[in-house]
């Protein structure tokens, strides 16, 4: 169903072109949109709706029926008599009927993609409805999720559609109160870098429009329409995991999550048991700021002592002293790969637990 505002905008524009007064009524004679007071046309509209005629002149006005799949939807009234008014009325009726078809198709596609994203369709229904809606089933696609600091904002939805949705291939919708989802169709040769470029351009565009606190995630590229829900789930996980382990980034891909996506799926009691077994009663993030900075820089440089000491502007022996001190307090030597992996995972587990604690209050 077309909104009353769209109908009003349509007939206002058509009146500006044709200079013919127009009024759209429902089958009960109730005015929906009008360019002026058409007089007492309500009763005549009801009688016309019940008649077999598709168009009729009544008391100086031209009446036209507008159908939606052979079901009478509206009655259009055009003010005045004569060949020009009749022809203009027919053209307006035709335009509104085409709008009905377009918006109905958009509504059907919206429902289809929402159910597809939420995995609510049987496989046979996916392909049969895709064919009916003229949606290609075997082209590369990727799902992106757009989140703003203010939550789901209709302005973000419409701006995203303006940026991506005008090519007839990309689909933009919202399935919850927080996020805008983009199902983007990709050229065969498009790479991950080009996906990131498109996402970055959207962030820039939204920021210019005054939308702040943007974060975008995306799943893996899929080649069958039945896999859209998988890419959506991946993008959703990327959004959640990114907030924990990549909180300084506004763009994150599922393929970049690494071990973070495994930790995200661990139950909290198991995480607590792991930390307790490795460190006893102490948490690995309770070290002083200097020690933590040393640890993170050491990991960043792939356990390279010389490069880490250079970047920290300290003597190599000072770094070795700090690592020895850490080994005495934890039993883990970060110069040994297995111990370094254990410590790195422990830091991530603690970060995950602290993030999850924020949802318990």
Protein backbone atom coordinates (compact mmCIF):
# COMPACT_ATOMS: atom_id res chain seq x y z
CA UNK A 1 0.00 0.00 0.00
CA UNK A 2 1.28 3.46 -0.94
CA UNK A 3 1.43 5.96 1.91
CA UNK A 4 -0.94 8.93 1.79
CA UNK A 5 2.03 11.29 1.75
CA UNK A 6 3.43 9.69 -1.40
CA UNK A 7 0.02 9.93 -3.08
CA UNK A 8 -0.25 13.58 -2.07
CA UNK A 9 3.23 14.38 -3.41
CA UNK A 10 2.42 12.56 -6.65
CA UNK A 11 -0.81 14.39 -7.42
CA UNK A 12 0.69 17.73 -6.33
CA UNK A 13 3.43 17.22 -8.90
CA UNK A 14 1.01 16.10 -11.60
CA UNK A 15 -1.27 19.05 -10.93
CA UNK A 16 1.72 21.38 -11.28
CA UNK A 17 2.37 19.92 -14.74
CA UNK A 18 -1.22 19.54 -16.01
CA UNK A 19 -3.03 22.33 -14.06
CA UNK A 20 -5.89 19.88 -13.46
CA UNK A 21 -7.26 19.49 -9.93
CA UNK A 22 -7.04 15.92 -8.63
CA UNK A 23 -8.42 13.92 -5.73
CA UNK A 24 -7.79 10.31 -4.68
CA UNK A 25 -10.47 8.53 -2.63
CA UNK A 26 -10.85 5.05 -1.26
CA UNK A 27 -13.77 2.84 -2.26
CA UNK A 28 -15.84 4.21 0.63
CA UNK A 29 -15.55 7.76 -0.68
CA UNK A 30 -13.03 8.87 1.96
CA UNK A 31 -10.54 11.46 0.71
CA UNK A 32 -6.93 10.24 0.85
CA UNK A 33 -5.09 12.95 -1.08
CA UNK A 34 -6.34 16.05 -2.88
CA UNK A 35 -5.11 19.24 -4.53
CA UNK A 36 -8.24 21.19 -3.62
CA UNK A 37 -11.80 20.89 -2.30
CA UNK A 38 -13.54 18.85 -5.00
CA UNK A 39 -16.99 19.55 -3.62
CA UNK A 40 -19.47 16.84 -2.69
CA UNK A 41 -17.80 14.02 -4.66
CA UNK A 42 -17.87 11.40 -1.90
CA UNK A 43 -21.31 9.96 -2.66
CA UNK A 44 -20.68 9.99 -6.39
CA UNK A 45 -17.35 8.18 -5.82
CA UNK A 46 -19.09 5.40 -3.87
CA UNK A 47 -21.73 4.96 -6.60
CA UNK A 48 -19.04 4.98 -9.29
CA UNK A 49 -17.01 2.37 -7.38
CA UNK A 50 -20.02 0.06 -7.35
CA UNK A 51 -20.70 0.54 -11.08
CA UNK A 52 -19.19 -1.63 -13.86
CA UNK A 53 -17.63 1.41 -15.59
CA UNK A 54 -13.86 2.04 -15.47
CA UNK A 55 -14.28 5.77 -16.06
CA UNK A 56 -17.25 8.16 -15.99
CA UNK A 57 -18.15 11.84 -16.05
CA UNK A 58 -20.40 12.85 -13.14
CA UNK A 59 -21.55 16.43 -12.50
CA UNK A 60 -18.62 17.96 -14.34
CA UNK A 61 -15.91 15.73 -12.83
CA UNK A 62 -14.07 12.82 -14.42
CA UNK A 63 -13.96 9.62 -12.33
CA UNK A 64 -11.44 6.80 -12.85
CA UNK A 65 -10.92 3.45 -11.17
CA UNK A 66 -7.44 2.38 -10.03
CA UNK A 67 -6.91 -1.35 -9.55
CA UNK A 68 -4.33 -3.41 -7.69
CA UNK A 69 -4.24 -6.92 -9.22
CA UNK A 70 -7.85 -6.60 -10.41
CA UNK A 71 -8.95 -5.41 -6.96
CA UNK A 72 -10.38 -1.87 -6.88
CA UNK A 73 -8.06 0.18 -4.68
CA UNK A 74 -8.78 3.88 -5.35
CA UNK A 75 -11.12 6.23 -7.16
CA UNK A 76 -9.47 9.18 -8.88
CA UNK A 77 -11.43 12.38 -9.47
CA UNK A 78 -10.20 14.96 -11.99
CA UNK A 79 -11.73 18.44 -11.89
CA UNK A 80 -13.26 19.78 -15.14
CA UNK A 81 -14.62 18.46 -18.39
CA UNK A 82 -13.27 18.00 -21.88
CA UNK A 83 -10.88 15.77 -23.77
CA UNK A 84 -7.75 17.15 -22.05
CA UNK A 85 -9.07 16.53 -18.54
CA UNK A 86 -10.14 13.01 -19.48
CA UNK A 87 -6.76 12.21 -21.04
CA UNK A 88 -4.86 13.71 -18.10
CA UNK A 89 -7.04 11.77 -15.64
CA UNK A 90 -6.29 8.52 -17.49
CA UNK A 91 -2.56 9.26 -17.36
CA UNK A 92 -2.70 10.06 -13.63
CA UNK A 93 -4.64 6.86 -12.94
CA UNK A 94 -2.06 4.91 -14.93
CA UNK A 95 0.78 6.54 -12.97
CA UNK A 96 -0.78 5.74 -9.59
CA UNK A 97 -1.47 2.16 -10.69
CA UNK A 98 2.20 1.78 -11.63
CA UNK A 99 3.16 3.16 -8.22
CA UNK A 100 0.99 0.50 -6.60
CA UNK A 101 2.81 -2.22 -8.53
CA UNK A 102 6.26 -0.78 -7.72
CA UNK A 103 5.58 -0.37 -4.01
CA UNK A 104 3.95 -3.77 -3.77
CA UNK A 105 7.03 -5.34 -5.37
CA UNK A 106 9.29 -3.40 -3.01
CA UNK A 107 7.20 -4.53 -0.05
CA UNK A 108 7.34 -8.15 -1.25
CA UNK A 109 11.12 -7.93 -1.72
CA UNK A 110 11.49 -6.36 1.71
CA UNK A 111 9.60 -9.24 3.33
CA UNK A 112 11.53 -11.78 1.26
CA UNK A 113 14.96 -10.48 2.24
CA UNK A 114 14.00 -10.05 5.90
CA UNK A 115 12.86 -13.67 6.07
CA UNK A 116 15.94 -14.72 4.12
CA UNK A 117 18.25 -12.93 6.57
CA UNK A 118 16.49 -14.49 9.56
CA UNK A 119 16.59 -17.98 7.98
CA UNK A 120 12.79 -18.24 7.99
CA UNK A 121 12.36 -19.71 4.49
CA UNK A 122 12.48 -23.25 3.19
CA UNK A 123 14.96 -23.89 0.38
CA UNK A 124 12.21 -24.46 -2.18
CA UNK A 125 10.52 -21.19 -1.16
CA UNK A 126 13.78 -19.24 -1.52
CA UNK A 127 14.18 -20.16 -5.17
CA UNK A 128 10.51 -19.98 -6.14
CA UNK A 129 10.05 -16.53 -4.58
CA UNK A 130 13.35 -15.30 -6.04
CA UNK A 131 12.09 -16.23 -9.50
CA UNK A 132 8.75 -14.52 -8.91
CA UNK A 133 10.44 -11.33 -7.66
CA UNK A 134 13.03 -11.38 -10.49
CA UNK A 135 15.98 -11.71 -8.06
CA UNK A 136 19.11 -13.41 -9.34
CA UNK A 137 20.08 -16.40 -7.21
CA UNK A 138 23.66 -17.11 -8.27
CA UNK A 139 25.52 -13.78 -8.10
CA UNK A 140 28.16 -12.86 -5.46
CA UNK A 141 26.76 -10.97 -2.49
CA UNK A 142 27.93 -9.85 0.94
CA UNK A 143 25.95 -8.68 3.97
CA UNK A 144 27.00 -5.51 5.77
CA UNK A 145 25.60 -4.28 9.10
CA UNK A 146 25.60 -0.56 9.84
CA UNK A 147 25.33 0.56 13.46
CA UNK A 148 25.26 4.14 14.69
CA UNK A 149 25.67 5.44 18.23
CA UNK A 150 22.00 6.46 18.32
CA UNK A 151 20.79 2.97 17.37
CA UNK A 152 18.51 2.35 14.41
CA UNK A 153 17.58 5.70 12.92
CA UNK A 154 15.23 6.00 9.94
CA UNK A 155 17.62 8.66 8.68
CA UNK A 156 20.48 6.12 8.60
CA UNK A 157 18.23 3.68 6.72
CA UNK A 158 17.25 6.24 4.09
CA UNK A 159 20.79 7.62 3.76
CA UNK A 160 22.14 4.10 3.27
CA UNK A 161 19.54 3.52 0.59
CA UNK A 162 20.54 6.75 -1.08
CA UNK A 163 24.19 5.67 -1.05
CA UNK A 164 23.76 2.03 -2.08
CA UNK A 165 20.18 1.33 -3.05
CA UNK A 166 19.66 3.25 -6.26
CA UNK A 167 21.25 0.66 -8.55
CA UNK A 168 18.39 -1.83 -8.21
CA UNK A 169 20.80 -4.60 -7.16
CA UNK A 170 21.56 -3.84 -3.50
CA UNK A 171 18.94 -4.34 -0.80
CA UNK A 172 18.80 -2.24 2.37
CA UNK A 173 16.51 -2.98 5.33
CA UNK A 174 16.37 -3.28 9.14
CA UNK A 175 15.39 -6.43 11.02
CA UNK A 176 15.71 -5.08 14.56
CA UNK A 177 15.75 -1.80 16.48
CA UNK A 178 19.52 -1.28 16.29
CA UNK A 179 21.03 -1.96 12.91
CA UNK A 180 20.65 -1.30 9.20
CA UNK A 181 21.44 -4.31 6.99
CA UNK A 182 22.77 -4.07 3.44
CA UNK A 183 22.73 -7.08 1.12
CA UNK A 184 25.21 -5.88 -1.48
CA UNK A 185 25.53 -7.50 -4.89
CA UNK A 186 29.13 -7.68 -6.07
CA UNK A 187 30.79 -7.79 -9.48
CA UNK A 188 32.58 -11.07 -10.10
CA UNK A 189 36.01 -9.47 -9.83
CA UNK A 190 35.34 -7.44 -6.67
CA UNK A 191 37.86 -8.09 -3.89
CA UNK A 192 37.76 -7.64 -0.12
CA UNK A 193 39.64 -4.36 -0.51
CA UNK A 194 36.89 -3.06 -2.79
CA UNK A 195 34.22 -4.14 -0.29
CA UNK A 196 36.10 -2.19 2.38
CA UNK A 197 36.32 0.77 0.02
CA UNK A 198 32.52 0.73 -0.46
CA UNK A 199 31.96 0.44 3.30
CA UNK A 200 34.43 3.24 4.00
CA UNK A 201 32.67 5.49 1.48
CA UNK A 202 29.37 4.83 3.29
CA UNK A 203 30.91 5.77 6.64
CA UNK A 204 32.26 8.99 5.13
CA UNK A 205 28.91 9.77 3.51
CA UNK A 206 26.96 9.20 6.75
CA UNK A 207 29.42 11.28 8.77
CA UNK A 208 28.99 14.17 6.33
CA UNK A 209 25.25 13.86 6.93
CA UNK A 210 25.79 14.25 10.68
CA UNK A 211 25.63 10.58 11.72
CA UNK A 212 28.30 9.87 14.34
CA UNK A 213 29.57 6.78 16.15
CA UNK A 214 29.45 4.63 13.03
CA UNK A 215 30.51 0.99 13.03
CA UNK A 216 30.20 -1.33 10.03
CA UNK A 217 30.82 -5.07 9.88
CA UNK A 218 30.52 -7.54 7.04
CA UNK A 219 30.47 -11.31 6.52
CA UNK A 220 32.11 -13.45 3.85
CA UNK A 221 31.16 -13.27 0.18
CA UNK A 222 28.51 -15.84 -0.77
CA UNK A 223 27.54 -16.98 -4.25
CA UNK A 224 24.10 -18.51 -3.66
CA UNK A 225 21.11 -16.58 -2.38
CA UNK A 226 20.36 -19.36 0.11
CA UNK A 227 23.61 -18.43 1.92
CA UNK A 228 22.64 -14.80 2.59
CA UNK A 229 21.61 -15.69 6.15
CA UNK A 230 25.09 -17.14 6.80
CA UNK A 231 26.81 -13.94 5.68
CA UNK A 232 24.38 -11.98 7.89
CA UNK A 233 25.18 -14.12 10.95
CA UNK A 234 28.88 -13.68 10.27
CA UNK A 235 28.48 -9.89 9.98
CA UNK A 236 26.51 -9.85 13.24
CA UNK A 237 29.23 -11.81 15.02
CA UNK A 238 31.87 -9.51 13.54
CA UNK A 239 29.97 -6.51 14.93
CA UNK A 240 29.80 -8.02 18.43
CA UNK A 241 33.31 -9.46 18.54
CA UNK A 242 34.72 -6.25 17.03
CA UNK A 243 33.38 -4.26 19.98
CA UNK A 244 35.39 -6.47 22.35
CA UNK A 245 38.71 -7.05 20.61
CA UNK A 246 38.79 -4.30 17.94
CA UNK A 247 37.04 -1.47 19.79
CA UNK A 248 39.23 1.16 18.12
CA UNK A 249 38.02 0.21 14.62
CA UNK A 250 34.85 1.36 12.87
CA UNK A 251 35.08 -1.28 10.10
CA UNK A 252 35.57 -4.99 10.78
CA UNK A 253 35.26 -8.13 8.65
CA UNK A 254 34.32 -11.59 9.89
CA UNK A 255 37.48 -12.95 8.26
CA UNK A 256 39.61 -10.70 10.52
CA UNK A 257 38.24 -11.94 13.85
CA UNK A 258 40.73 -14.78 14.25
CA UNK A 259 40.70 -16.48 17.64
CA UNK A 260 38.36 -13.77 18.94
CA UNK A 261 35.35 -15.47 17.37
CA UNK A 262 36.19 -18.71 19.21
CA UNK A 263 36.58 -16.96 22.57
CA UNK A 264 33.28 -15.13 22.00
CA UNK A 265 31.46 -18.47 21.96
CA UNK A 266 32.95 -19.76 25.23
CA UNK A 267 30.70 -19.93 28.32
CA UNK A 268 31.74 -17.54 31.09
CA UNK A 269 32.21 -20.29 33.77
CA UNK A 270 34.72 -22.02 31.48
CA UNK A 271 36.57 -18.72 30.98
CA UNK A 272 36.79 -18.15 34.74
CA UNK A 273 38.08 -21.67 35.28
CA UNK A 274 40.77 -21.16 32.60
CA UNK A 275 42.02 -17.90 34.17
CA UNK A 276 42.00 -19.45 37.65
CA UNK A 277 43.98 -22.50 36.51
CA UNK A 278 46.61 -20.45 34.65
CA UNK A 279 47.07 -17.50 37.03
CA UNK A 280 45.62 -18.67 40.33
CA UNK A 281 43.77 -15.80 41.96
CA UNK A 282 45.37 -13.09 39.82
CA UNK A 283 44.04 -11.67 36.57
CA UNK A 284 46.53 -11.05 33.72
CA UNK A 285 45.23 -7.51 33.21
CA UNK A 286 46.01 -6.47 36.80
CA UNK A 287 49.67 -5.77 36.04
CA UNK A 288 50.89 -2.19 36.13
CA UNK A 289 50.63 -0.02 33.05
CA UNK A 290 54.32 -0.31 32.21
CA UNK A 291 54.24 -4.13 32.27
CA UNK A 292 51.08 -4.29 30.15
CA UNK A 293 52.55 -1.86 27.61
CA UNK A 294 55.65 -4.05 27.41
CA UNK A 295 53.56 -7.19 26.90
CA UNK A 296 51.41 -5.70 24.15
CA UNK A 297 54.43 -4.24 22.32
CA UNK A 298 56.24 -7.59 22.60
CA UNK A 299 53.25 -9.37 21.02
CA UNK A 300 52.95 -6.65 18.37
CA UNK A 301 56.56 -7.32 17.32
CA UNK A 302 56.10 -11.12 17.14
CA UNK A 303 58.18 -11.78 20.29
CA UNK A 304 61.19 -9.96 18.87
CA UNK A 305 63.25 -8.68 21.84
CA UNK A 306 65.48 -6.31 19.88
CA UNK A 307 62.68 -4.61 17.94
CA UNK A 308 60.47 -4.32 21.04
CA UNK A 309 63.22 -2.68 23.12
CA UNK A 310 63.94 -0.28 20.25
CA UNK A 311 60.29 0.79 19.96
CA UNK A 312 59.95 1.15 23.74
CA UNK A 313 63.18 3.22 23.86
CA UNK A 314 64.68 0.96 26.53
CA UNK A 315 67.84 -1.14 26.70
CA UNK A 316 67.55 -4.76 25.64
CA UNK A 317 68.60 -5.89 29.12
CA UNK A 318 65.80 -3.80 30.66
CA UNK A 319 63.26 -5.63 28.52
CA UNK A 320 64.79 -9.00 29.43
CA UNK A 321 64.58 -8.01 33.12
CA UNK A 322 60.87 -7.17 32.76
CA UNK A 323 60.17 -10.47 30.99
CA UNK A 324 62.05 -12.40 33.69
CA UNK A 325 60.08 -10.60 36.39
CA UNK A 326 56.82 -11.47 34.60
CA UNK A 327 57.92 -15.11 34.36
CA UNK A 328 58.52 -15.28 38.11
CA UNK A 329 55.07 -13.90 38.93
CA UNK A 330 53.07 -15.94 36.38
CA UNK A 331 55.20 -18.95 35.53
CA UNK A 332 54.97 -18.01 31.84
CA UNK A 333 57.98 -17.03 29.75
CA UNK A 334 56.70 -14.83 26.92
CA UNK A 335 59.84 -15.60 24.89
CA UNK A 336 58.53 -19.18 24.57
CA UNK A 337 55.87 -19.42 21.88
CA UNK A 338 53.47 -21.69 23.81
CA UNK A 339 53.62 -19.51 26.93
CA UNK A 340 53.11 -16.38 24.82
CA UNK A 341 50.04 -17.93 23.17
CA UNK A 342 48.62 -18.87 26.58
CA UNK A 343 49.14 -15.34 27.91
CA UNK A 344 47.68 -13.73 24.76
CA UNK A 345 44.55 -15.90 24.95
CA UNK A 346 44.22 -15.15 28.67
CA UNK A 347 44.28 -11.40 28.00
CA UNK A 348 41.55 -11.82 25.37
CA UNK A 349 39.45 -14.04 27.64
CA UNK A 350 39.60 -11.43 30.43
CA UNK A 351 38.60 -8.70 27.99
CA UNK A 352 35.66 -10.85 26.83
CA UNK A 353 34.52 -11.53 30.41
CA UNK A 354 34.63 -7.84 31.32
CA UNK A 355 32.60 -6.98 28.22
CA UNK A 356 29.98 -9.62 29.06
CA UNK A 357 29.75 -8.35 32.64
CA UNK A 358 28.42 -5.03 31.35
CA UNK A 359 25.24 -6.87 30.21
CA UNK A 360 24.62 -8.37 33.63
CA UNK A 361 23.78 -5.03 35.27
